[in-house]
C-alpha atoms as a PDB file:
ATOM      1  CA  MET A   1      40.367 -55.279  92.024  1.00  0.00           C
ATOM      2  CA  GLU A   2      37.528 -53.638  93.925  1.00  0.00           C
ATOM      3  CA  ILE A   3      37.855 -54.288  97.660  1.00  0.00           C
ATOM      4  CA  LYS A   4      35.127 -53.113 100.015  1.00  0.00           C
ATOM      5  CA  PRO A   5      34.040 -54.032 103.535  1.00  0.00           C
ATOM      6  CA  ILE A   6      31.713 -56.999 103.927  1.00  0.00           C
ATOM      7  CA  LYS A   7      28.605 -55.640 105.620  1.00  0.00           C
ATOM      8  CA  THR A   8      25.748 -57.842 104.441  1.00  0.00           C
ATOM      9  CA  GLU A   9      25.068 -61.479 103.665  1.00  0.00           C
ATOM     10  CA  THR A  10      25.053 -60.545  99.966  1.00  0.00           C
ATOM     11  CA  ASP A  11      28.486 -58.925 100.272  1.00  0.00           C
ATOM     12  CA  TYR A  12      29.692 -62.052 102.066  1.00  0.00           C
ATOM     13  CA  GLN A  13      28.392 -64.387  99.348  1.00  0.00           C
ATOM     14  CA  GLN A  14      29.972 -62.240  96.624  1.00  0.00           C
ATOM     15  CA  ALA A  15      33.295 -62.245  98.472  1.00  0.00           C
ATOM     16  CA  LEU A  16      33.183 -66.040  98.766  1.00  0.00           C
ATOM     17  CA  GLU A  17      32.455 -66.385  95.053  1.00  0.00           C
ATOM     18  CA  ARG A  18      35.348 -64.076  94.167  1.00  0.00           C
ATOM     19  CA  LEU A  19      37.631 -65.909  96.585  1.00  0.00           C
ATOM     20  CA  GLU A  20      36.815 -69.177  94.854  1.00  0.00           C
ATOM     21  CA  LEU A  21      37.695 -67.695  91.452  1.00  0.00           C
ATOM     22  CA  ILE A  22      41.122 -66.417  92.526  1.00  0.00           C
ATOM     23  CA  PHE A  23      41.919 -69.142  95.062  1.00  0.00           C
ATOM     24  CA  ASP A  24      45.000 -70.414  93.196  1.00  0.00           C
ATOM     25  CA  ALA A  25      46.472 -66.961  92.534  1.00  0.00           C
ATOM     26  CA  LYS A  26      50.227 -66.632  92.896  1.00  0.00           C
ATOM     27  CA  THR A  27      51.581 -64.779  95.929  1.00  0.00           C
ATOM     28  CA  GLY A  28      52.722 -61.283  95.013  1.00  0.00           C
ATOM     29  CA  SER A  29      50.435 -60.947  91.984  1.00  0.00           C
ATOM     30  CA  SER A  30      47.517 -58.524  91.998  1.00  0.00           C
ATOM     31  CA  ASP A  31      45.110 -61.474  92.309  1.00  0.00           C
ATOM     32  CA  GLY A  32      47.282 -62.876  95.093  1.00  0.00           C
ATOM     33  CA  ASP A  33      47.054 -59.570  96.958  1.00  0.00           C
ATOM     34  CA  GLU A  34      43.295 -59.506  96.446  1.00  0.00           C
ATOM     35  CA  LEU A  35      43.064 -63.086  97.714  1.00  0.00           C
ATOM     36  CA  GLU A  36      44.920 -62.164 100.895  1.00  0.00           C
ATOM     37  CA  ILE A  37      42.749 -59.109 101.572  1.00  0.00           C
ATOM     38  CA  LEU A  38      39.520 -60.990 100.814  1.00  0.00           C
ATOM     39  CA  GLY A  39      40.586 -63.726 103.218  1.00  0.00           C
ATOM     40  CA  ILE A  40      41.054 -61.187 105.996  1.00  0.00           C
ATOM     41  CA  LEU A  41      37.687 -59.534 105.302  1.00  0.00           C
ATOM     42  CA  ILE A  42      35.862 -62.867 105.152  1.00  0.00           C
ATOM     43  CA  GLU A  43      37.474 -64.039 108.395  1.00  0.00           C
ATOM     44  CA  LYS A  44      36.431 -60.802 110.141  1.00  0.00           C
ATOM     45  CA  TYR A  45      32.837 -61.132 108.919  1.00  0.00           C
ATOM     46  CA  GLU A  46      32.634 -64.802 109.953  1.00  0.00           C
ATOM     47  CA  THR A  47      34.080 -64.092 113.398  1.00  0.00           C
ATOM     48  CA  GLU A  48      31.460 -61.407 113.985  1.00  0.00           C
ATOM     49  CA  HIS A  49      28.468 -63.218 112.483  1.00  0.00           C
ATOM     50  CA  PHE A  50      29.209 -66.906 113.040  1.00  0.00           C
ATOM     51  CA  PRO A  51      31.055 -67.119 116.380  1.00  0.00           C
ATOM     52  CA  ILE A  52      32.161 -70.522 117.579  1.00  0.00           C
ATOM     53  CA  GLY A  53      31.712 -71.033 121.299  1.00  0.00           C
ATOM     54  CA  LEU A  54      34.017 -72.906 123.593  1.00  0.00           C
ATOM     55  CA  PRO A  55      33.463 -76.662 123.971  1.00  0.00           C
ATOM     56  CA  ASP A  56      31.871 -78.209 127.030  1.00  0.00           C
ATOM     57  CA  PRO A  57      34.591 -78.820 129.670  1.00  0.00           C
ATOM     58  CA  ILE A  58      33.825 -82.519 130.159  1.00  0.00           C
ATOM     59  CA  GLU A  59      33.603 -83.146 126.423  1.00  0.00           C
ATOM     60  CA  ALA A  60      36.935 -81.336 126.019  1.00  0.00           C
ATOM     61  CA  ILE A  61      38.500 -83.641 128.625  1.00  0.00           C
ATOM     62  CA  LYS A  62      37.095 -86.734 126.912  1.00  0.00           C
ATOM     63  CA  PHE A  63      38.239 -85.519 123.501  1.00  0.00           C
ATOM     64  CA  ARG A  64      41.759 -84.771 124.740  1.00  0.00           C
ATOM     65  CA  MET A  65      41.938 -88.130 126.515  1.00  0.00           C
ATOM     66  CA  GLU A  66      40.982 -89.838 123.260  1.00  0.00           C
ATOM     67  CA  GLN A  67      43.617 -87.871 121.342  1.00  0.00           C
ATOM     68  CA  MET A  68      46.298 -88.850 123.830  1.00  0.00           C
ATOM     69  CA  GLY A  69      45.178 -92.494 124.100  1.00  0.00           C
ATOM     70  CA  TYR A  70      44.267 -92.036 127.777  1.00  0.00           C
ATOM     71  CA  ASN A  71      41.619 -93.990 129.634  1.00  0.00           C
ATOM     72  CA  GLN A  72      39.839 -93.373 132.923  1.00  0.00           C
ATOM     73  CA  ARG A  73      42.720 -94.916 134.879  1.00  0.00           C
ATOM     74  CA  ASP A  74      45.111 -92.327 133.376  1.00  0.00           C
ATOM     75  CA  LEU A  75      42.738 -89.569 134.454  1.00  0.00           C
ATOM     76  CA  ALA A  76      42.597 -91.137 137.927  1.00  0.00           C
ATOM     77  CA  ASP A  77      46.396 -90.914 138.068  1.00  0.00           C
ATOM     78  CA  ILE A  78      46.085 -87.174 137.459  1.00  0.00           C
ATOM     79  CA  PHE A  79      43.451 -86.669 140.172  1.00  0.00           C
ATOM     80  CA  GLY A  80      44.764 -89.297 142.568  1.00  0.00           C
ATOM     81  CA  LEU A  81      41.523 -91.274 142.877  1.00  0.00           C
ATOM     82  CA  LYS A  82      39.727 -93.550 140.425  1.00  0.00           C
ATOM     83  CA  SER A  83      36.357 -92.610 141.879  1.00  0.00           C
ATOM     84  CA  ARG A  84      37.127 -88.919 141.383  1.00  0.00           C
ATOM     85  CA  ALA A  85      37.819 -89.455 137.678  1.00  0.00           C
ATOM     86  CA  SER A  86      34.551 -91.355 137.310  1.00  0.00           C
ATOM     87  CA  GLU A  87      32.579 -88.648 139.116  1.00  0.00           C
ATOM     88  CA  ILE A  88      34.062 -85.934 136.887  1.00  0.00           C
ATOM     89  CA  LEU A  89      33.448 -87.803 133.625  1.00  0.00           C
ATOM     90  CA  ASN A  90      29.870 -88.617 134.701  1.00  0.00           C
ATOM     91  CA  ARG A  91      29.244 -85.003 135.758  1.00  0.00           C
ATOM     92  CA  LYS A  92      28.559 -85.934 139.383  1.00  0.00           C
ATOM     93  CA  ARG A  93      31.383 -83.745 140.679  1.00  0.00           C
ATOM     94  CA  LYS A  94      32.455 -80.284 139.555  1.00  0.00           C
ATOM     95  CA  LEU A  95      36.045 -79.526 138.668  1.00  0.00           C
ATOM     96  CA  SER A  96      37.962 -77.848 141.463  1.00  0.00           C
ATOM     97  CA  LEU A  97      40.558 -75.168 140.855  1.00  0.00           C
ATOM     98  CA  GLU A  98      43.317 -77.683 141.563  1.00  0.00           C
ATOM     99  CA  MET A  99      41.802 -80.173 139.088  1.00  0.00           C
ATOM    100  CA  ILE A 100      41.632 -77.439 136.441  1.00  0.00           C
ATOM    101  CA  ARG A 101      45.303 -76.646 137.013  1.00  0.00           C
ATOM    102  CA  LEU A 102      46.274 -80.307 136.747  1.00  0.00           C
ATOM    103  CA  LEU A 103      44.255 -80.847 133.568  1.00  0.00           C
ATOM    104  CA  HIS A 104      45.755 -77.732 132.036  1.00  0.00           C
ATOM    105  CA  GLU A 105      49.312 -78.827 132.905  1.00  0.00           C
ATOM    106  CA  ARG A 106      49.012 -82.496 131.960  1.00  0.00           C
ATOM    107  CA  LEU A 107      46.444 -82.537 129.151  1.00  0.00           C
ATOM    108  CA  HIS A 108      47.135 -79.013 127.854  1.00  0.00           C
ATOM    109  CA  ILE A 109      43.465 -78.058 127.832  1.00  0.00           C
ATOM    110  CA  PRO A 110      43.043 -74.265 127.943  1.00  0.00           C
ATOM    111  CA  THR A 111      41.854 -73.049 131.336  1.00  0.00           C
ATOM    112  CA  ASP A 112      39.157 -70.874 129.747  1.00  0.00           C
ATOM    113  CA  VAL A 113      37.535 -74.095 128.493  1.00  0.00           C
ATOM    114  CA  LEU A 114      37.780 -75.846 131.870  1.00  0.00           C
ATOM    115  CA  ILE A 115      36.396 -73.015 134.017  1.00  0.00           C
ATOM    116  CA  GLN A 116      33.066 -72.822 132.187  1.00  0.00           C
ATOM    117  CA  ALA A 117      29.885 -73.851 133.906  1.00  0.00           C
ATOM    118  CA  TYR A 118      28.464 -77.191 132.798  1.00  0.00           C
END
């Protein structure tokens, strides 16, 4: 087992190939230990080189509504006005701090997603 930091795209590709070879290794074996370490190194490299940004706030609301089986009327119940829900979903009105709090509490959308500019 030769473990080294992943610094280049070539190192990354080699690590992925090795990971694929030992993917089914048993926990506690030398290959299992190597698999665990390679996973950590690959995750670190991917986090640094292929970051995933936060989703658009309105798309996050729509996605969460779909997951929960909510419609626009359910969102209006959260905000208090049907027109307000429509304006938010159609990007005609910005989310207020109070709306962000309500969405976070009721739909469990992280506040760091909701406070982004859109």
